[in-house]
N, C-alpha and C. Protein backbone atom coordinates (compact mmCIF):
# COMPACT_ATOMS: atom_id res chain seq x y z
N UNK A 1 -79.43 122.28 -19.85
CA UNK A 1 -79.49 122.54 -21.27
C UNK A 1 -78.11 122.27 -21.88
N UNK A 2 -78.07 121.56 -22.97
CA UNK A 2 -76.80 121.22 -23.63
C UNK A 2 -76.29 122.42 -24.40
N UNK A 3 -74.94 122.54 -24.49
CA UNK A 3 -74.33 123.61 -25.26
C UNK A 3 -74.33 123.27 -26.75
N UNK A 4 -73.90 124.22 -27.53
CA UNK A 4 -73.87 124.02 -28.98
C UNK A 4 -72.46 124.30 -29.51
N UNK A 5 -72.03 123.45 -30.46
CA UNK A 5 -70.75 123.64 -31.13
C UNK A 5 -71.01 123.56 -32.62
N UNK A 6 -70.81 124.68 -33.30
CA UNK A 6 -70.98 124.70 -34.75
C UNK A 6 -72.36 124.23 -35.19
N UNK A 7 -73.40 124.56 -34.46
CA UNK A 7 -74.75 124.17 -34.85
C UNK A 7 -75.17 122.81 -34.32
N UNK A 8 -74.26 122.07 -33.68
CA UNK A 8 -74.58 120.77 -33.10
C UNK A 8 -74.54 120.89 -31.59
N UNK A 9 -75.41 120.13 -30.93
CA UNK A 9 -75.33 120.18 -29.48
C UNK A 9 -74.14 119.34 -29.01
N UNK A 10 -73.66 119.59 -27.82
CA UNK A 10 -72.45 118.93 -27.32
C UNK A 10 -72.62 117.43 -27.18
N UNK A 11 -73.82 116.94 -26.99
CA UNK A 11 -74.06 115.50 -26.92
C UNK A 11 -73.77 114.85 -28.27
N UNK A 12 -74.22 115.48 -29.34
CA UNK A 12 -73.98 114.95 -30.69
C UNK A 12 -72.48 114.98 -31.00
N UNK A 13 -71.82 116.07 -30.64
CA UNK A 13 -70.38 116.19 -30.87
C UNK A 13 -69.64 115.12 -30.09
N UNK A 14 -70.01 114.89 -28.85
CA UNK A 14 -69.38 113.85 -28.03
C UNK A 14 -69.60 112.47 -28.64
N UNK A 15 -70.79 112.21 -29.14
CA UNK A 15 -71.10 110.92 -29.76
C UNK A 15 -70.27 110.71 -31.03
N UNK A 16 -70.11 111.75 -31.83
CA UNK A 16 -69.30 111.66 -33.05
C UNK A 16 -67.84 111.39 -32.67
N UNK A 17 -67.32 112.13 -31.71
CA UNK A 17 -65.94 111.93 -31.26
C UNK A 17 -65.74 110.53 -30.71
N UNK A 18 -66.72 110.04 -29.95
CA UNK A 18 -66.65 108.70 -29.37
C UNK A 18 -66.60 107.62 -30.46
N UNK A 19 -67.30 107.85 -31.57
CA UNK A 19 -67.32 106.88 -32.67
C UNK A 19 -66.09 107.00 -33.58
N UNK A 20 -65.61 108.21 -33.79
CA UNK A 20 -64.51 108.44 -34.73
C UNK A 20 -63.15 108.12 -34.11
N UNK A 21 -62.97 108.41 -32.84
CA UNK A 21 -61.66 108.21 -32.19
C UNK A 21 -61.14 106.78 -32.33
N UNK A 22 -61.94 105.74 -32.07
CA UNK A 22 -61.41 104.37 -32.24
C UNK A 22 -60.97 104.08 -33.67
N UNK A 23 -61.68 104.60 -34.64
CA UNK A 23 -61.32 104.37 -36.04
C UNK A 23 -59.96 105.01 -36.33
N UNK A 24 -59.75 106.22 -35.85
CA UNK A 24 -58.49 106.91 -36.05
C UNK A 24 -57.36 106.13 -35.38
N UNK A 25 -57.58 105.67 -34.17
CA UNK A 25 -56.56 104.90 -33.45
C UNK A 25 -56.21 103.63 -34.21
N UNK A 26 -57.20 102.91 -34.71
CA UNK A 26 -56.95 101.68 -35.47
C UNK A 26 -56.16 101.98 -36.73
N UNK A 27 -56.50 103.05 -37.42
CA UNK A 27 -55.78 103.41 -38.65
C UNK A 27 -54.32 103.76 -38.36
N UNK A 28 -54.06 104.51 -37.30
CA UNK A 28 -52.69 104.88 -36.95
C UNK A 28 -51.88 103.65 -36.58
N UNK A 29 -52.43 102.79 -35.73
CA UNK A 29 -51.72 101.59 -35.30
C UNK A 29 -51.45 100.66 -36.47
N UNK A 30 -52.45 100.44 -37.32
CA UNK A 30 -52.24 99.52 -38.46
C UNK A 30 -51.24 100.10 -39.45
N UNK A 31 -51.21 101.41 -39.62
CA UNK A 31 -50.22 102.03 -40.49
C UNK A 31 -48.81 101.79 -39.97
N UNK A 32 -48.61 101.93 -38.67
CA UNK A 32 -47.29 101.68 -38.09
C UNK A 32 -46.88 100.23 -38.21
N UNK A 33 -47.82 99.31 -38.02
CA UNK A 33 -47.53 97.88 -38.14
C UNK A 33 -47.14 97.56 -39.58
N UNK A 34 -47.86 98.12 -40.55
CA UNK A 34 -47.54 97.85 -41.95
C UNK A 34 -46.16 98.38 -42.32
N UNK A 35 -45.79 99.57 -41.80
CA UNK A 35 -44.47 100.12 -42.07
C UNK A 35 -43.38 99.23 -41.49
N UNK A 36 -43.59 98.73 -40.28
CA UNK A 36 -42.59 97.85 -39.67
C UNK A 36 -42.45 96.56 -40.46
N UNK A 37 -43.56 95.99 -40.89
CA UNK A 37 -43.50 94.76 -41.68
C UNK A 37 -42.80 94.98 -43.00
N UNK A 38 -43.06 96.13 -43.62
CA UNK A 38 -42.41 96.46 -44.89
C UNK A 38 -40.90 96.56 -44.70
N UNK A 39 -40.47 97.25 -43.63
CA UNK A 39 -39.04 97.37 -43.37
C UNK A 39 -38.43 96.01 -43.06
N UNK A 40 -39.14 95.20 -42.30
CA UNK A 40 -38.61 93.89 -41.91
C UNK A 40 -38.50 92.95 -43.11
N UNK A 41 -39.38 93.11 -44.10
CA UNK A 41 -39.35 92.21 -45.25
C UNK A 41 -38.28 92.59 -46.26
N UNK A 42 -37.80 93.84 -46.20
CA UNK A 42 -36.74 94.27 -47.11
C UNK A 42 -35.39 93.79 -46.59
N UNK A 43 -34.53 93.37 -47.49
CA UNK A 43 -33.20 92.96 -47.05
C UNK A 43 -32.44 94.12 -46.44
N UNK A 44 -31.68 93.83 -45.41
CA UNK A 44 -30.82 94.84 -44.81
C UNK A 44 -29.72 95.20 -45.79
N UNK A 45 -29.17 96.38 -45.64
CA UNK A 45 -28.11 96.82 -46.55
C UNK A 45 -26.95 95.84 -46.56
N UNK A 46 -26.70 95.20 -45.42
CA UNK A 46 -25.60 94.22 -45.36
C UNK A 46 -25.89 93.02 -46.26
N UNK A 47 -27.15 92.80 -46.58
CA UNK A 47 -27.54 91.67 -47.42
C UNK A 47 -27.82 92.06 -48.87
N UNK A 48 -27.61 93.33 -49.21
CA UNK A 48 -27.88 93.76 -50.57
C UNK A 48 -26.99 92.99 -51.54
N UNK A 49 -27.55 92.59 -52.69
CA UNK A 49 -26.70 91.96 -53.71
C UNK A 49 -25.79 93.01 -54.35
N UNK A 50 -24.87 92.53 -55.15
CA UNK A 50 -23.95 93.46 -55.81
C UNK A 50 -23.83 93.12 -57.28
N UNK A 51 -23.33 94.08 -58.01
CA UNK A 51 -23.08 93.94 -59.43
C UNK A 51 -21.85 94.78 -59.77
N UNK A 52 -21.38 94.65 -60.98
CA UNK A 52 -20.22 95.45 -61.41
C UNK A 52 -20.69 96.78 -61.96
N UNK A 53 -19.86 97.77 -61.80
CA UNK A 53 -20.17 99.09 -62.33
C UNK A 53 -18.90 99.77 -62.79
N UNK A 54 -19.06 100.94 -63.38
CA UNK A 54 -17.92 101.73 -63.85
C UNK A 54 -18.06 103.15 -63.34
N UNK A 55 -16.97 103.68 -62.79
CA UNK A 55 -16.96 105.07 -62.33
C UNK A 55 -16.93 105.98 -63.55
N UNK A 56 -17.88 106.89 -63.62
CA UNK A 56 -17.95 107.84 -64.73
C UNK A 56 -17.15 109.11 -64.43
N UNK A 57 -17.24 109.56 -63.18
CA UNK A 57 -16.47 110.73 -62.77
C UNK A 57 -16.34 110.73 -61.25
N UNK A 58 -15.30 111.40 -60.79
CA UNK A 58 -15.06 111.51 -59.35
C UNK A 58 -14.53 112.91 -59.06
N UNK A 59 -15.27 113.65 -58.27
CA UNK A 59 -14.88 115.01 -57.91
C UNK A 59 -15.15 115.25 -56.43
N UNK A 60 -14.75 116.41 -55.97
CA UNK A 60 -15.00 116.81 -54.58
C UNK A 60 -15.86 118.05 -54.60
N UNK A 61 -16.93 118.01 -53.81
CA UNK A 61 -17.77 119.19 -53.63
C UNK A 61 -17.27 119.90 -52.37
N UNK A 62 -16.96 121.18 -52.50
CA UNK A 62 -16.46 121.95 -51.37
C UNK A 62 -17.59 122.80 -50.81
N UNK A 63 -17.84 122.64 -49.53
CA UNK A 63 -18.88 123.39 -48.84
C UNK A 63 -18.20 124.46 -48.00
N UNK A 64 -18.41 125.69 -48.36
CA UNK A 64 -17.76 126.80 -47.65
C UNK A 64 -18.68 127.42 -46.61
N UNK A 65 -19.90 126.89 -46.47
CA UNK A 65 -20.84 127.44 -45.51
C UNK A 65 -21.19 126.39 -44.46
N UNK A 66 -21.55 126.84 -43.29
CA UNK A 66 -22.00 125.95 -42.24
C UNK A 66 -20.84 125.26 -41.53
N UNK A 67 -21.22 124.49 -40.54
CA UNK A 67 -20.22 123.81 -39.71
C UNK A 67 -20.03 122.36 -40.12
N UNK A 68 -20.67 121.93 -41.20
CA UNK A 68 -20.57 120.54 -41.64
C UNK A 68 -19.22 120.22 -42.25
N UNK A 69 -19.14 119.04 -42.82
CA UNK A 69 -17.90 118.61 -43.48
C UNK A 69 -17.60 119.51 -44.66
N UNK A 70 -16.38 120.03 -44.75
CA UNK A 70 -16.08 120.97 -45.83
C UNK A 70 -15.96 120.31 -47.21
N UNK A 71 -15.63 119.02 -47.27
CA UNK A 71 -15.47 118.35 -48.57
C UNK A 71 -16.29 117.07 -48.60
N UNK A 72 -17.03 116.90 -49.69
CA UNK A 72 -17.85 115.71 -49.89
C UNK A 72 -17.46 115.08 -51.22
N UNK A 73 -17.16 113.77 -51.24
CA UNK A 73 -16.84 113.14 -52.53
C UNK A 73 -18.11 112.94 -53.36
N UNK A 74 -18.01 113.23 -54.64
CA UNK A 74 -19.10 112.98 -55.58
C UNK A 74 -18.55 112.00 -56.61
N UNK A 75 -18.97 110.75 -56.48
CA UNK A 75 -18.51 109.69 -57.39
C UNK A 75 -19.72 109.24 -58.18
N UNK A 76 -19.74 109.53 -59.46
CA UNK A 76 -20.84 109.13 -60.33
C UNK A 76 -20.46 107.82 -60.99
N UNK A 77 -21.32 106.80 -60.85
CA UNK A 77 -21.03 105.50 -61.42
C UNK A 77 -22.27 104.94 -62.12
N UNK A 78 -22.03 104.04 -63.07
CA UNK A 78 -23.10 103.40 -63.83
C UNK A 78 -23.04 101.90 -63.56
N UNK A 79 -24.22 101.28 -63.54
CA UNK A 79 -24.30 99.84 -63.31
C UNK A 79 -25.58 99.30 -63.94
N UNK A 80 -25.66 98.00 -64.03
CA UNK A 80 -26.79 97.35 -64.68
C UNK A 80 -27.34 96.26 -63.76
N UNK A 81 -28.68 96.21 -63.66
CA UNK A 81 -29.37 95.17 -62.89
C UNK A 81 -30.53 94.66 -63.74
N UNK A 82 -30.55 93.37 -63.98
CA UNK A 82 -31.62 92.74 -64.77
C UNK A 82 -31.86 93.44 -66.11
N UNK A 83 -30.79 93.82 -66.77
CA UNK A 83 -30.91 94.43 -68.09
C UNK A 83 -31.26 95.91 -68.07
N UNK A 84 -31.44 96.49 -66.90
CA UNK A 84 -31.76 97.91 -66.78
C UNK A 84 -30.53 98.67 -66.31
N UNK A 85 -30.30 99.84 -66.89
CA UNK A 85 -29.13 100.65 -66.54
C UNK A 85 -29.50 101.68 -65.48
N UNK A 86 -28.58 101.90 -64.56
CA UNK A 86 -28.77 102.86 -63.48
C UNK A 86 -27.50 103.68 -63.31
N UNK A 87 -27.65 104.84 -62.68
CA UNK A 87 -26.51 105.65 -62.26
C UNK A 87 -26.68 105.96 -60.79
N UNK A 88 -25.58 105.97 -60.08
CA UNK A 88 -25.60 106.30 -58.67
C UNK A 88 -24.47 107.25 -58.34
N UNK A 89 -24.54 107.81 -57.14
CA UNK A 89 -23.46 108.71 -56.72
C UNK A 89 -23.12 108.53 -55.24
N UNK A 90 -23.78 107.62 -54.58
CA UNK A 90 -23.51 107.43 -53.16
C UNK A 90 -22.31 106.52 -52.97
N UNK A 91 -21.35 106.99 -52.18
CA UNK A 91 -20.17 106.18 -51.89
C UNK A 91 -20.48 105.25 -50.73
N UNK A 92 -20.84 105.82 -49.59
CA UNK A 92 -21.15 105.02 -48.40
C UNK A 92 -22.64 105.02 -48.18
N UNK A 93 -23.16 103.85 -47.81
CA UNK A 93 -24.59 103.75 -47.54
C UNK A 93 -24.96 104.58 -46.32
N UNK A 94 -24.13 104.54 -45.30
CA UNK A 94 -24.37 105.33 -44.09
C UNK A 94 -23.17 106.24 -43.85
N UNK A 95 -23.45 107.49 -43.56
CA UNK A 95 -22.37 108.42 -43.28
C UNK A 95 -21.77 108.98 -44.56
N UNK A 96 -20.71 109.73 -44.38
CA UNK A 96 -20.05 110.38 -45.51
C UNK A 96 -18.62 109.87 -45.60
N UNK A 97 -18.23 109.50 -46.80
CA UNK A 97 -16.86 109.03 -47.03
C UNK A 97 -15.89 110.20 -46.98
N UNK A 98 -14.68 109.93 -46.57
CA UNK A 98 -13.62 110.94 -46.57
C UNK A 98 -13.25 111.21 -48.03
N UNK A 99 -13.26 112.46 -48.42
CA UNK A 99 -13.18 112.85 -49.83
C UNK A 99 -11.93 112.37 -50.54
N UNK A 100 -10.74 112.65 -50.02
CA UNK A 100 -9.52 112.29 -50.75
C UNK A 100 -9.36 110.78 -50.84
N UNK A 101 -9.74 110.05 -49.80
CA UNK A 101 -9.65 108.59 -49.84
C UNK A 101 -10.63 108.02 -50.88
N UNK A 102 -11.82 108.58 -50.96
CA UNK A 102 -12.81 108.10 -51.93
C UNK A 102 -12.33 108.35 -53.36
N UNK A 103 -11.73 109.51 -53.60
CA UNK A 103 -11.23 109.80 -54.95
C UNK A 103 -10.09 108.86 -55.32
N UNK A 104 -9.27 108.51 -54.36
CA UNK A 104 -8.16 107.59 -54.62
C UNK A 104 -8.68 106.19 -54.92
N UNK A 105 -9.74 105.77 -54.22
CA UNK A 105 -10.30 104.42 -54.43
C UNK A 105 -11.14 104.32 -55.69
N UNK A 106 -11.76 105.43 -56.08
CA UNK A 106 -12.72 105.39 -57.19
C UNK A 106 -12.40 106.41 -58.28
N UNK A 107 -11.28 106.26 -58.98
CA UNK A 107 -10.98 107.20 -60.07
C UNK A 107 -11.89 106.93 -61.28
N UNK A 108 -12.07 107.94 -62.11
CA UNK A 108 -12.88 107.79 -63.31
C UNK A 108 -12.36 106.64 -64.15
N UNK A 109 -13.27 105.80 -64.65
CA UNK A 109 -12.92 104.65 -65.48
C UNK A 109 -12.71 103.37 -64.69
N UNK A 110 -12.65 103.46 -63.36
CA UNK A 110 -12.40 102.26 -62.54
C UNK A 110 -13.62 101.34 -62.56
N UNK A 111 -13.34 100.05 -62.53
CA UNK A 111 -14.37 99.03 -62.39
C UNK A 111 -14.64 98.88 -60.89
N UNK A 112 -15.91 98.95 -60.47
CA UNK A 112 -16.26 98.93 -59.05
C UNK A 112 -17.36 97.91 -58.77
N UNK A 113 -17.48 97.55 -57.51
CA UNK A 113 -18.59 96.74 -57.04
C UNK A 113 -19.66 97.69 -56.54
N UNK A 114 -20.89 97.51 -57.01
CA UNK A 114 -22.02 98.35 -56.63
C UNK A 114 -23.02 97.49 -55.86
N UNK A 115 -23.35 97.91 -54.65
CA UNK A 115 -24.37 97.24 -53.85
C UNK A 115 -25.69 97.96 -54.08
N UNK A 116 -26.77 97.19 -54.31
CA UNK A 116 -28.05 97.82 -54.62
C UNK A 116 -29.18 97.16 -53.86
N UNK A 117 -30.22 97.95 -53.62
CA UNK A 117 -31.42 97.47 -52.94
C UNK A 117 -32.22 96.62 -53.92
N UNK A 118 -32.43 95.35 -53.64
CA UNK A 118 -33.17 94.51 -54.58
C UNK A 118 -34.62 94.96 -54.77
N UNK A 119 -35.18 95.63 -53.79
CA UNK A 119 -36.55 96.14 -53.92
C UNK A 119 -36.60 97.37 -54.82
N UNK A 120 -35.50 98.10 -54.91
CA UNK A 120 -35.41 99.28 -55.75
C UNK A 120 -33.95 99.47 -56.18
N UNK A 121 -33.54 98.84 -57.28
CA UNK A 121 -32.13 98.88 -57.70
C UNK A 121 -31.58 100.27 -57.96
N UNK A 122 -32.43 101.28 -58.04
CA UNK A 122 -31.92 102.66 -58.20
C UNK A 122 -31.24 103.15 -56.94
N UNK A 123 -31.51 102.51 -55.81
CA UNK A 123 -30.81 102.85 -54.55
C UNK A 123 -29.56 101.99 -54.48
N UNK A 124 -28.41 102.65 -54.41
CA UNK A 124 -27.15 101.92 -54.46
C UNK A 124 -26.07 102.65 -53.68
N UNK A 125 -24.98 101.93 -53.47
CA UNK A 125 -23.80 102.51 -52.82
C UNK A 125 -22.59 101.65 -53.17
N UNK A 126 -21.43 102.27 -53.12
CA UNK A 126 -20.19 101.53 -53.40
C UNK A 126 -19.68 100.82 -52.16
N UNK A 127 -20.06 101.32 -51.00
CA UNK A 127 -19.64 100.71 -49.73
C UNK A 127 -20.87 100.56 -48.84
N UNK A 128 -20.90 99.44 -48.09
CA UNK A 128 -22.04 99.22 -47.19
C UNK A 128 -21.81 99.79 -45.85
C-alpha cells in the first residue's frame, strides 16, 4: 500500500518531483549562464571610458567603531555623460583610498578625470 503525503499518494508525489526537478535544474543553469554572459559583455573597469568632472567637496568620514579603517575619504564630484549630469563619491573602484592622500589629490573645485561604466554611467570612480 502506498503512503500519503498531504492528501497525495507517494507515487504521485514522486512523479511530480521527477517532472519538476529537471525544469528547476534547467532554470538554475540557464540563469547562471545568462549572468556570466552579461558580465562578459560589459566592459571591464580597466576599459571604462572617462570624462571630465569637478570635485564638489572632499571630507573624511571617521569611523570610531569596529576594527575597520578609521578614516574613509568622501569625495563628492559631478560629471556629465551624453548630456546627462551625474554625481559620484567613489574614489577607488576597488578597495578604499587612503584618506589624507585622497583629500590632497582631490580638493574641492579641482578638475578631475571620472571613469564611468558605459552600461550605467551612474557607476563611476576617480581611480580604476
